[in-house]
Amino acid sequence: MVLADAIRLKINNLLDEYNVNVWYVCKYSGIPCSTLTTFLNGKTKLLKLDTLLHICEVFNITLNEFFEDSIFYDVEAE
């Protein structure tokens, strides 16, 4: 799996786990909804690291916790 797809999958898993939607994450992170939506829809390939950090803050997890998932064990560069 490529890195962008793994990040998308992890974010979607967090949305499901916390039972929230993209709008909620955007509201509490300050990230424009267009930024997150275009990434999750695959129209953009990567998020900036600070954007990902803001997403993690909404879920009250660290970047380390975000990437401590088996999803990331076999990621590849595009």
PDB file of N, CA and C in Angstrom:
ATOM      1  N   MET A   1       0.863  -1.170   0.000  1.00  0.00           N
ATOM      2  CA  MET A   1       0.000   0.000   0.000  1.00  0.00           C
ATOM      3  C   MET A   1       0.909   1.232   0.000  1.00  0.00           C
ATOM      4  N   VAL A   2       0.508   2.241  -0.758  1.00  0.00           N
ATOM      5  CA  VAL A   2       1.290   3.476  -0.767  1.00  0.00           C
ATOM      6  C   VAL A   2       0.951   4.311   0.464  1.00  0.00           C
ATOM      7  N   LEU A   3       1.881   5.164   0.857  1.00  0.00           N
ATOM      8  CA  LEU A   3       1.746   5.939   2.086  1.00  0.00           C
ATOM      9  C   LEU A   3       0.451   6.739   2.132  1.00  0.00           C
ATOM     10  N   ALA A   4       0.116   7.443   1.057  1.00  0.00           N
ATOM     11  CA  ALA A   4      -1.094   8.268   1.059  1.00  0.00           C
ATOM     12  C   ALA A   4      -2.341   7.437   1.335  1.00  0.00           C
ATOM     13  N   ASP A   5      -2.411   6.257   0.735  1.00  0.00           N
ATOM     14  CA  ASP A   5      -3.574   5.382   0.964  1.00  0.00           C
ATOM     15  C   ASP A   5      -3.624   4.897   2.408  1.00  0.00           C
ATOM     16  N   ALA A   6      -2.470   4.616   2.985  1.00  0.00           N
ATOM     17  CA  ALA A   6      -2.423   4.180   4.381  1.00  0.00           C
ATOM     18  C   ALA A   6      -2.886   5.296   5.309  1.00  0.00           C
ATOM     19  N   ILE A   7      -2.460   6.524   5.032  1.00  0.00           N
ATOM     20  CA  ILE A   7      -2.880   7.670   5.856  1.00  0.00           C
ATOM     21  C   ILE A   7      -4.382   7.881   5.717  1.00  0.00           C
ATOM     22  N   ARG A   8      -4.899   7.786   4.496  1.00  0.00           N
ATOM     23  CA  ARG A   8      -6.347   7.914   4.278  1.00  0.00           C
ATOM     24  C   ARG A   8      -7.107   6.858   5.082  1.00  0.00           C
ATOM     25  N   LEU A   9      -6.643   5.625   5.000  1.00  0.00           N
ATOM     26  CA  LEU A   9      -7.297   4.539   5.722  1.00  0.00           C
ATOM     27  C   LEU A   9      -7.273   4.784   7.222  1.00  0.00           C
ATOM     28  N   LYS A  10      -6.151   5.229   7.745  1.00  0.00           N
ATOM     29  CA  LYS A  10      -6.038   5.491   9.187  1.00  0.00           C
ATOM     30  C   LYS A  10      -6.983   6.614   9.611  1.00  0.00           C
ATOM     31  N   ILE A  11      -7.037   7.696   8.838  1.00  0.00           N
ATOM     32  CA  ILE A  11      -7.946   8.801   9.179  1.00  0.00           C
ATOM     33  C   ILE A  11      -9.391   8.311   9.146  1.00  0.00           C
ATOM     34  N   ASN A  12      -9.751   7.551   8.124  1.00  0.00           N
ATOM     35  CA  ASN A  12     -11.119   7.024   8.050  1.00  0.00           C
ATOM     36  C   ASN A  12     -11.425   6.080   9.207  1.00  0.00           C
ATOM     37  N   ASN A  13     -10.442   5.297   9.615  1.00  0.00           N
ATOM     38  CA  ASN A  13     -10.631   4.426  10.775  1.00  0.00           C
ATOM     39  C   ASN A  13     -10.874   5.246  12.044  1.00  0.00           C
ATOM     40  N   LEU A  14     -10.125   6.336  12.198  1.00  0.00           N
ATOM     41  CA  LEU A  14     -10.320   7.207  13.357  1.00  0.00           C
ATOM     42  C   LEU A  14     -11.693   7.866  13.333  1.00  0.00           C
ATOM     43  N   LEU A  15     -12.125   8.295  12.153  1.00  0.00           N
ATOM     44  CA  LEU A  15     -13.463   8.893  12.026  1.00  0.00           C
ATOM     45  C   LEU A  15     -14.527   7.888  12.482  1.00  0.00           C
ATOM     46  N   ASP A  16     -14.377   6.648  12.056  1.00  0.00           N
ATOM     47  CA  ASP A  16     -15.335   5.604  12.453  1.00  0.00           C
ATOM     48  C   ASP A  16     -15.240   5.301  13.946  1.00  0.00           C
ATOM     49  N   GLU A  17     -14.007   5.165  14.439  1.00  0.00           N
ATOM     50  CA  GLU A  17     -13.794   4.815  15.845  1.00  0.00           C
ATOM     51  C   GLU A  17     -14.379   5.860  16.790  1.00  0.00           C
ATOM     52  N   TYR A  18     -14.208   7.135  16.432  1.00  0.00           N
ATOM     53  CA  TYR A  18     -14.692   8.217  17.285  1.00  0.00           C
ATOM     54  C   TYR A  18     -16.098   8.677  16.896  1.00  0.00           C
ATOM     55  N   ASN A  19     -16.652   8.046  15.866  1.00  0.00           N
ATOM     56  CA  ASN A  19     -17.998   8.353  15.399  1.00  0.00           C
ATOM     57  C   ASN A  19     -18.177   9.844  15.106  1.00  0.00           C
ATOM     58  N   VAL A  20     -17.229  10.396  14.348  1.00  0.00           N
ATOM     59  CA  VAL A  20     -17.295  11.797  13.933  1.00  0.00           C
ATOM     60  C   VAL A  20     -17.140  11.858  12.422  1.00  0.00           C
ATOM     61  N   ASN A  21     -17.441  13.029  11.857  1.00  0.00           N
ATOM     62  CA  ASN A  21     -17.305  13.201  10.415  1.00  0.00           C
ATOM     63  C   ASN A  21     -16.187  14.201  10.093  1.00  0.00           C
ATOM     64  N   VAL A  22     -15.948  14.382   8.815  1.00  0.00           N
ATOM     65  CA  VAL A  22     -14.882  15.278   8.362  1.00  0.00           C
ATOM     66  C   VAL A  22     -15.137  16.702   8.856  1.00  0.00           C
ATOM     67  N   TRP A  23     -16.392  17.126   8.817  1.00  0.00           N
ATOM     68  CA  TRP A  23     -16.707  18.479   9.262  1.00  0.00           C
ATOM     69  C   TRP A  23     -16.263  18.691  10.716  1.00  0.00           C
ATOM     70  N   TYR A  24     -16.484  17.728  11.570  1.00  0.00           N
ATOM     71  CA  TYR A  24     -16.084  17.816  12.974  1.00  0.00           C
ATOM     72  C   TYR A  24     -14.577  18.004  13.085  1.00  0.00           C
ATOM     73  N   VAL A  25     -13.829  17.195  12.360  1.00  0.00           N
ATOM     74  CA  VAL A  25     -12.366  17.302  12.408  1.00  0.00           C
ATOM     75  C   VAL A  25     -11.918  18.667  11.920  1.00  0.00           C
ATOM     76  N   CYS A  26     -12.513  19.149  10.850  1.00  0.00           N
ATOM     77  CA  CYS A  26     -12.151  20.469  10.310  1.00  0.00           C
ATOM     78  C   CYS A  26     -12.472  21.570  11.311  1.00  0.00           C
ATOM     79  N   LYS A  27     -13.625  21.492  11.918  1.00  0.00           N
ATOM     80  CA  LYS A  27     -14.040  22.523  12.869  1.00  0.00           C
ATOM     81  C   LYS A  27     -13.078  22.615  14.048  1.00  0.00           C
ATOM     82  N   TYR A  28     -12.691  21.488  14.602  1.00  0.00           N
ATOM     83  CA  TYR A  28     -11.871  21.494  15.807  1.00  0.00           C
ATOM     84  C   TYR A  28     -10.365  21.496  15.541  1.00  0.00           C
ATOM     85  N   SER A  29      -9.973  21.334  14.289  1.00  0.00           N
ATOM     86  CA  SER A  29      -8.549  21.373  13.964  1.00  0.00           C
ATOM     87  C   SER A  29      -8.151  22.686  13.293  1.00  0.00           C
ATOM     88  N   GLY A  30      -9.133  23.378  12.714  1.00  0.00           N
ATOM     89  CA  GLY A  30      -8.823  24.588  11.967  1.00  0.00           C
ATOM     90  C   GLY A  30      -8.385  24.315  10.538  1.00  0.00           C
ATOM     91  N   ILE A  31      -8.420  23.077  10.132  1.00  0.00           N
ATOM     92  CA  ILE A  31      -8.050  22.708   8.766  1.00  0.00           C
ATOM     93  C   ILE A  31      -9.241  23.008   7.851  1.00  0.00           C
ATOM     94  N   PRO A  32      -8.997  23.651   6.711  1.00  0.00           N
ATOM     95  CA  PRO A  32     -10.107  23.854   5.766  1.00  0.00           C
ATOM     96  C   PRO A  32     -10.685  22.513   5.324  1.00  0.00           C
ATOM     97  N   CYS A  33     -12.001  22.429   5.291  1.00  0.00           N
ATOM     98  CA  CYS A  33     -12.644  21.167   4.898  1.00  0.00           C
ATOM     99  C   CYS A  33     -12.224  20.748   3.495  1.00  0.00           C
ATOM    100  N   SER A  34     -11.977  21.710   2.625  1.00  0.00           N
ATOM    101  CA  SER A  34     -11.555  21.360   1.268  1.00  0.00           C
ATOM    102  C   SER A  34     -10.216  20.631   1.282  1.00  0.00           C
ATOM    103  N   THR A  35      -9.326  21.001   2.190  1.00  0.00           N
ATOM    104  CA  THR A  35      -8.019  20.353   2.291  1.00  0.00           C
ATOM    105  C   THR A  35      -8.179  18.889   2.669  1.00  0.00           C
ATOM    106  N   LEU A  36      -8.952  18.639   3.704  1.00  0.00           N
ATOM    107  CA  LEU A  36      -9.126  17.271   4.178  1.00  0.00           C
ATOM    108  C   LEU A  36      -9.961  16.453   3.205  1.00  0.00           C
ATOM    109  N   THR A  37     -11.002  17.024   2.676  1.00  0.00           N
ATOM    110  CA  THR A  37     -11.876  16.313   1.752  1.00  0.00           C
ATOM    111  C   THR A  37     -11.148  15.915   0.473  1.00  0.00           C
ATOM    112  N   THR A  38     -10.380  16.833  -0.097  1.00  0.00           N
ATOM    113  CA  THR A  38      -9.676  16.486  -1.333  1.00  0.00           C
ATOM    114  C   THR A  38      -8.621  15.410  -1.086  1.00  0.00           C
ATOM    115  N   PHE A  39      -8.009  15.409   0.095  1.00  0.00           N
ATOM    116  CA  PHE A  39      -7.060  14.343   0.412  1.00  0.00           C
ATOM    117  C   PHE A  39      -7.788  13.016   0.573  1.00  0.00           C
ATOM    118  N   LEU A  40      -8.862  13.007   1.355  1.00  0.00           N
ATOM    119  CA  LEU A  40      -9.584  11.755   1.597  1.00  0.00           C
ATOM    120  C   LEU A  40     -10.215  11.203   0.323  1.00  0.00           C
ATOM    121  N   ASN A  41     -10.542  12.071  -0.624  1.00  0.00           N
ATOM    122  CA  ASN A  41     -11.106  11.622  -1.903  1.00  0.00           C
ATOM    123  C   ASN A  41     -10.025  11.210  -2.900  1.00  0.00           C
ATOM    124  N   GLY A  42      -8.759  11.371  -2.535  1.00  0.00           N
ATOM    125  CA  GLY A  42      -7.668  10.967  -3.408  1.00  0.00           C
ATOM    126  C   GLY A  42      -7.283  11.982  -4.463  1.00  0.00           C
ATOM    127  N   LYS A  43      -7.838  13.184  -4.374  1.00  0.00           N
ATOM    128  CA  LYS A  43      -7.511  14.215  -5.369  1.00  0.00           C
ATOM    129  C   LYS A  43      -6.152  14.855  -5.099  1.00  0.00           C
ATOM    130  N   THR A  44      -5.713  14.823  -3.850  1.00  0.00           N
ATOM    131  CA  THR A  44      -4.348  15.231  -3.517  1.00  0.00           C
ATOM    132  C   THR A  44      -3.656  14.021  -2.911  1.00  0.00           C
ATOM    133  N   LYS A  45      -2.338  13.963  -3.063  1.00  0.00           N
ATOM    134  CA  LYS A  45      -1.619  12.749  -2.674  1.00  0.00           C
ATOM    135  C   LYS A  45      -1.140  12.740  -1.231  1.00  0.00           C
ATOM    136  N   LEU A  46      -0.741  13.883  -0.696  1.00  0.00           N
ATOM    137  CA  LEU A  46      -0.193  13.901   0.657  1.00  0.00           C
ATOM    138  C   LEU A  46      -0.682  15.103   1.441  1.00  0.00           C
ATOM    139  N   LEU A  47      -0.664  14.952   2.750  1.00  0.00           N
ATOM    140  CA  LEU A  47      -0.951  16.051   3.663  1.00  0.00           C
ATOM    141  C   LEU A  47       0.364  16.591   4.213  1.00  0.00           C
ATOM    142  N   LYS A  48       0.389  17.856   4.529  1.00  0.00           N
ATOM    143  CA  LYS A  48       1.558  18.390   5.221  1.00  0.00           C
ATOM    144  C   LYS A  48       1.583  17.790   6.626  1.00  0.00           C
ATOM    145  N   LEU A  49       2.756  17.662   7.164  1.00  0.00           N
ATOM    146  CA  LEU A  49       2.901  17.047   8.481  1.00  0.00           C
ATOM    147  C   LEU A  49       2.176  17.853   9.555  1.00  0.00           C
ATOM    148  N   ASP A  50       2.200  19.176   9.475  1.00  0.00           N
ATOM    149  CA  ASP A  50       1.497  19.963  10.488  1.00  0.00           C
ATOM    150  C   ASP A  50      -0.016  19.789  10.374  1.00  0.00           C
ATOM    151  N   THR A  51      -0.523  19.545   9.181  1.00  0.00           N
ATOM    152  CA  THR A  51      -1.949  19.262   9.006  1.00  0.00           C
ATOM    153  C   THR A  51      -2.302  17.948   9.687  1.00  0.00           C
ATOM    154  N   LEU A  52      -1.457  16.949   9.490  1.00  0.00           N
ATOM    155  CA  LEU A  52      -1.684  15.654  10.137  1.00  0.00           C
ATOM    156  C   LEU A  52      -1.613  15.787  11.661  1.00  0.00           C
ATOM    157  N   LEU A  53      -0.701  16.623  12.137  1.00  0.00           N
ATOM    158  CA  LEU A  53      -0.605  16.857  13.585  1.00  0.00           C
ATOM    159  C   LEU A  53      -1.888  17.461  14.125  1.00  0.00           C
ATOM    160  N   HIS A  54      -2.483  18.399  13.409  1.00  0.00           N
ATOM    161  CA  HIS A  54      -3.748  19.004  13.849  1.00  0.00           C
ATOM    162  C   HIS A  54      -4.874  17.962  13.870  1.00  0.00           C
ATOM    163  N   ILE A  55      -4.862  17.055  12.908  1.00  0.00           N
ATOM    164  CA  ILE A  55      -5.855  15.978  12.897  1.00  0.00           C
ATOM    165  C   ILE A  55      -5.664  15.094  14.128  1.00  0.00           C
ATOM    166  N   CYS A  56      -4.425  14.768  14.436  1.00  0.00           N
ATOM    167  CA  CYS A  56      -4.130  13.950  15.617  1.00  0.00           C
ATOM    168  C   CYS A  56      -4.603  14.635  16.894  1.00  0.00           C
ATOM    169  N   GLU A  57      -4.436  15.936  16.966  1.00  0.00           N
ATOM    170  CA  GLU A  57      -4.855  16.681  18.160  1.00  0.00           C
ATOM    171  C   GLU A  57      -6.359  16.566  18.380  1.00  0.00           C
ATOM    172  N   VAL A  58      -7.135  16.546  17.312  1.00  0.00           N
ATOM    173  CA  VAL A  58      -8.589  16.381  17.441  1.00  0.00           C
ATOM    174  C   VAL A  58      -8.912  15.044  18.103  1.00  0.00           C
ATOM    175  N   PHE A  59      -8.156  14.016  17.754  1.00  0.00           N
ATOM    176  CA  PHE A  59      -8.386  12.684  18.303  1.00  0.00           C
ATOM    177  C   PHE A  59      -7.595  12.439  19.580  1.00  0.00           C
ATOM    178  N   ASN A  60      -6.886  13.470  20.036  1.00  0.00           N
ATOM    179  CA  ASN A  60      -6.098  13.398  21.271  1.00  0.00           C
ATOM    180  C   ASN A  60      -5.066  12.259  21.224  1.00  0.00           C
ATOM    181  N   ILE A  61      -4.390  12.162  20.064  1.00  0.00           N
ATOM    182  CA  ILE A  61      -3.317  11.188  19.903  1.00  0.00           C
ATOM    183  C   ILE A  61      -2.078  11.904  19.375  1.00  0.00           C
ATOM    184  N   THR A  62      -0.933  11.287  19.556  1.00  0.00           N
ATOM    185  CA  THR A  62       0.316  11.847  19.037  1.00  0.00           C
ATOM    186  C   THR A  62       0.549  11.322  17.617  1.00  0.00           C
ATOM    187  N   LEU A  63       1.473  11.962  16.924  1.00  0.00           N
ATOM    188  CA  LEU A  63       1.854  11.449  15.610  1.00  0.00           C
ATOM    189  C   LEU A  63       2.400  10.034  15.733  1.00  0.00           C
ATOM    190  N   ASN A  64       3.137   9.792  16.795  1.00  0.00           N
ATOM    191  CA  ASN A  64       3.675   8.459  17.028  1.00  0.00           C
ATOM    192  C   ASN A  64       2.544   7.433  17.144  1.00  0.00           C
ATOM    193  N   GLU A  65       1.510   7.775  17.894  1.00  0.00           N
ATOM    194  CA  GLU A  65       0.367   6.867  18.038  1.00  0.00           C
ATOM    195  C   GLU A  65      -0.359   6.683  16.705  1.00  0.00           C
ATOM    196  N   PHE A  66      -0.422   7.744  15.915  1.00  0.00           N
ATOM    197  CA  PHE A  66      -1.066   7.661  14.600  1.00  0.00           C
ATOM    198  C   PHE A  66      -0.377   6.601  13.740  1.00  0.00           C
ATOM    199  N   PHE A  67       0.963   6.640  13.731  1.00  0.00           N
ATOM    200  CA  PHE A  67       1.717   5.740  12.861  1.00  0.00           C
ATOM    201  C   PHE A  67       2.008   4.384  13.481  1.00  0.00           C
ATOM    202  N   GLU A  68       1.670   4.187  14.763  1.00  0.00           N
ATOM    203  CA  GLU A  68       1.824   2.875  15.399  1.00  0.00           C
ATOM    204  C   GLU A  68       0.625   2.000  15.069  1.00  0.00           C
ATOM    205  N   ASP A  69       0.531   1.632  13.839  1.00  0.00           N
ATOM    206  CA  ASP A  69      -0.595   0.845  13.351  1.00  0.00           C
ATOM    207  C   ASP A  69      -0.055  -0.094  12.284  1.00  0.00           C
ATOM    208  N   SER A  70      -0.551  -1.288  12.251  1.00  0.00           N
ATOM    209  CA  SER A  70      -0.058  -2.264  11.281  1.00  0.00           C
ATOM    210  C   SER A  70      -0.286  -1.820   9.837  1.00  0.00           C
ATOM    211  N   ILE A  71      -1.184  -0.865   9.635  1.00  0.00           N
ATOM    212  CA  ILE A  71      -1.417  -0.311   8.303  1.00  0.00           C
ATOM    213  C   ILE A  71      -0.104   0.191   7.694  1.00  0.00           C
ATOM    214  N   PHE A  72       0.778   0.708   8.545  1.00  0.00           N
ATOM    215  CA  PHE A  72       2.002   1.349   8.064  1.00  0.00           C
ATOM    216  C   PHE A  72       3.207   0.406   7.983  1.00  0.00           C
ATOM    217  N   TYR A  73       3.032  -0.876   8.288  1.00  0.00           N
ATOM    218  CA  TYR A  73       4.161  -1.798   8.301  1.00  0.00           C
ATOM    219  C   TYR A  73       4.781  -1.988   6.920  1.00  0.00           C
ATOM    220  N   ASP A  74       3.986  -2.022   5.885  1.00  0.00           N
ATOM    221  CA  ASP A  74       4.495  -2.305   4.538  1.00  0.00           C
ATOM    222  C   ASP A  74       4.163  -1.207   3.548  1.00  0.00           C
ATOM    223  N   VAL A  75       4.245   0.052   3.983  1.00  0.00           N
ATOM    224  CA  VAL A  75       3.938   1.135   3.036  1.00  0.00           C
ATOM    225  C   VAL A  75       5.084   1.334   2.067  1.00  0.00           C
ATOM    226  N   GLU A  76       4.717   1.863   0.917  1.00  0.00           N
ATOM    227  CA  GLU A  76       5.675   2.131  -0.149  1.00  0.00           C
ATOM    228  C   GLU A  76       5.532   3.582  -0.587  1.00  0.00           C
ATOM    229  N   ALA A  77       6.607   4.120  -1.122  1.00  0.00           N
ATOM    230  CA  ALA A  77       6.542   5.446  -1.729  1.00  0.00           C
ATOM    231  C   ALA A  77       5.850   5.297  -3.089  1.00  0.00           C
ATOM    232  N   GLU A  78       5.238   6.375  -3.535  1.00  0.00           N
ATOM    233  CA  GLU A  78       4.607   6.320  -4.858  1.00  0.00           C
ATOM    234  C   GLU A  78       5.640   6.424  -5.941  1.00  0.00           C
TER     235      GLU A  78
END
